[in-house]
Protein backbone atom coordinates (compact mmCIF):
# COMPACT_ATOMS: atom_id res chain seq x y z
CA UNK A 1 -70.63 61.46 -17.42
CA UNK A 2 -74.22 60.28 -17.85
CA UNK A 3 -76.02 56.96 -18.19
CA UNK A 4 -79.42 55.63 -19.24
CA UNK A 5 -80.56 53.00 -16.74
CA UNK A 6 -83.72 50.92 -16.41
CA UNK A 7 -85.59 50.22 -13.20
CA UNK A 8 -89.27 49.51 -12.67
CA UNK A 9 -89.85 49.16 -16.42
CA UNK A 10 -88.81 52.76 -17.12
CA UNK A 11 -85.63 54.34 -18.42
CA UNK A 12 -83.93 57.26 -16.68
CA UNK A 13 -81.08 59.47 -17.88
CA UNK A 14 -78.92 60.14 -14.82
CA UNK A 15 -75.69 61.89 -13.90
CA UNK A 16 -73.85 61.87 -10.56
CA UNK A 17 -75.71 64.12 -8.11
CA UNK A 18 -79.14 63.77 -9.77
CA UNK A 19 -82.24 62.99 -7.71
CA UNK A 20 -84.94 60.80 -9.29
CA UNK A 21 -88.19 59.15 -8.19
CA UNK A 22 -88.51 55.50 -9.25
CA UNK A 23 -90.97 52.71 -8.48
CA UNK A 24 -90.58 51.33 -4.98
CA UNK A 25 -87.31 49.55 -4.27
CA UNK A 26 -86.68 47.53 -1.13
CA UNK A 27 -84.33 49.16 1.34
CA UNK A 28 -84.23 51.65 4.17
CA UNK A 29 -83.41 55.35 3.93
CA UNK A 30 -79.64 55.82 3.70
CA UNK A 31 -78.86 52.45 2.10
CA UNK A 32 -77.01 52.20 -1.22
CA UNK A 33 -78.66 50.65 -4.28
CA UNK A 34 -76.73 49.34 -7.30
CA UNK A 35 -78.37 49.25 -10.74
CA UNK A 36 -76.55 47.10 -13.30
CA UNK A 37 -79.16 47.36 -16.07
CA UNK A 38 -77.50 50.28 -17.94
CA UNK A 39 -78.32 50.72 -21.65
CA UNK A 40 -76.07 53.66 -22.51
CA UNK A 41 -73.06 55.47 -21.06
CA UNK A 42 -71.74 58.76 -22.37
CA UNK A 43 -69.06 61.29 -21.58
CA UNK A 44 -68.70 64.24 -23.91
CA UNK A 45 -68.75 63.01 -27.51
CA UNK A 46 -67.93 59.42 -26.53
CA UNK A 47 -71.03 57.21 -26.20
CA UNK A 48 -71.22 53.48 -25.51
CA UNK A 49 -74.52 51.78 -26.39
CA UNK A 50 -75.30 48.33 -25.05
CA UNK A 51 -77.19 45.54 -26.71
CA UNK A 52 -79.29 45.33 -24.55
CA UNK A 53 -77.05 46.47 -21.64
CA UNK A 54 -73.49 47.74 -21.35
CA UNK A 55 -71.34 45.08 -19.68
CA UNK A 56 -69.42 46.03 -16.56
CA UNK A 57 -71.20 49.34 -15.91
CA UNK A 58 -73.17 50.07 -12.76
CA UNK A 59 -74.99 53.06 -11.31
CA UNK A 60 -74.86 53.48 -7.54
CA UNK A 61 -77.46 55.57 -5.74
CA UNK A 62 -78.46 56.31 -2.16
CA UNK A 63 -82.06 56.00 -0.99
CA UNK A 64 -83.24 59.42 0.21
CA UNK A 65 -86.91 58.66 0.93
CA UNK A 66 -89.66 56.07 0.62
CA UNK A 67 -92.82 57.98 -0.31
CA UNK A 68 -96.07 57.86 -2.24
CA UNK A 69 -96.91 59.72 -5.42
CA UNK A 70 -99.78 62.01 -6.30
CA UNK A 71 -103.28 60.51 -6.04
CA UNK A 72 -104.88 59.47 -9.32
CA UNK A 73 -108.69 59.27 -9.54
CA UNK A 74 -110.25 56.56 -11.73
CA UNK A 75 -113.88 57.43 -12.52
CA UNK A 76 -116.04 55.10 -14.63
CA UNK A 77 -119.43 56.25 -15.85
CA UNK A 78 -122.10 54.94 -18.25
CA UNK A 79 -124.55 57.60 -19.28
CA UNK A 80 -128.24 57.14 -18.51
CA UNK A 81 -127.65 53.82 -16.72
CA UNK A 82 -126.93 54.96 -13.16
CA UNK A 83 -123.48 53.36 -13.32
CA UNK A 84 -120.77 55.35 -11.52
CA UNK A 85 -117.60 53.94 -9.95
CA UNK A 86 -114.87 55.99 -8.28
CA UNK A 87 -111.49 54.58 -7.29
CA UNK A 88 -108.21 56.18 -6.23
CA UNK A 89 -104.59 55.06 -6.51
CA UNK A 90 -101.27 56.30 -5.10
CA UNK A 91 -98.06 54.74 -6.41
CA UNK A 92 -95.31 53.89 -3.94
CA UNK A 93 -92.06 55.60 -4.92
CA UNK A 94 -88.42 55.62 -3.87
CA UNK A 95 -86.32 58.79 -4.14
CA UNK A 96 -82.74 58.11 -5.20
CA UNK A 97 -79.68 60.37 -5.28
CA UNK A 98 -77.14 59.09 -7.83
CA UNK A 99 -73.71 58.90 -6.18
CA UNK A 100 -71.71 57.59 -9.12
CA UNK A 101 -71.50 55.82 -12.46
CA UNK A 102 -68.77 53.17 -12.53
CA UNK A 103 -67.32 51.24 -15.44
CA UNK A 104 -65.13 48.15 -15.20
CA UNK A 105 -62.00 50.22 -15.98
CA UNK A 106 -62.76 52.67 -13.16
CA UNK A 107 -63.24 49.88 -10.64
CA UNK A 108 -59.84 48.37 -11.59
CA UNK A 109 -58.18 51.78 -11.21
CA UNK A 110 -59.84 52.32 -7.82
CA UNK A 111 -58.67 48.92 -6.58
CA UNK A 112 -55.09 49.74 -7.62
CA UNK A 113 -55.25 53.10 -5.82
CA UNK A 114 -56.70 51.54 -2.66
CA UNK A 115 -53.95 48.89 -2.49
CA UNK A 116 -51.14 51.27 -3.56
CA UNK A 117 -50.18 48.89 -6.36
CA UNK A 118 -48.66 50.10 -9.61
CA UNK A 119 -50.90 49.82 -12.67
CA UNK A 120 -50.56 46.61 -14.70
CA UNK A 121 -47.78 46.56 -17.27
CA UNK A 122 -48.56 47.05 -20.94
CA UNK A 123 -47.89 44.32 -23.50
CA UNK A 124 -44.39 45.63 -24.24
CA UNK A 125 -43.36 45.11 -20.61
CA UNK A 126 -42.58 48.81 -20.05
CA UNK A 127 -45.01 50.86 -18.02
């Protein structure tokens, strides 16, 4: 199963077990983050596309590290004018490990398993 999620203004294609670097999210290392802004969910040939997001789908991930990205140098120069400006920037990043992609049907099934309840009856009244 895979999903396309949005965080920090960028889209990421993720699967359970993937590790990604995203713009800084609040939280300590080891905490769980839930992303509900999911545009697409797919499993095999079956794909669900949201408009703009798929309802009832969430991606859960664990924060692995809070770090900073590679340094970028901004250099401005005007020839023959003696104008030179140098500036650096390092983006703050959060490393995430995707633990699971959950749909509304999966969460209902998990609740039934946790409470040892039988699944809901179908419309005909026979399970």
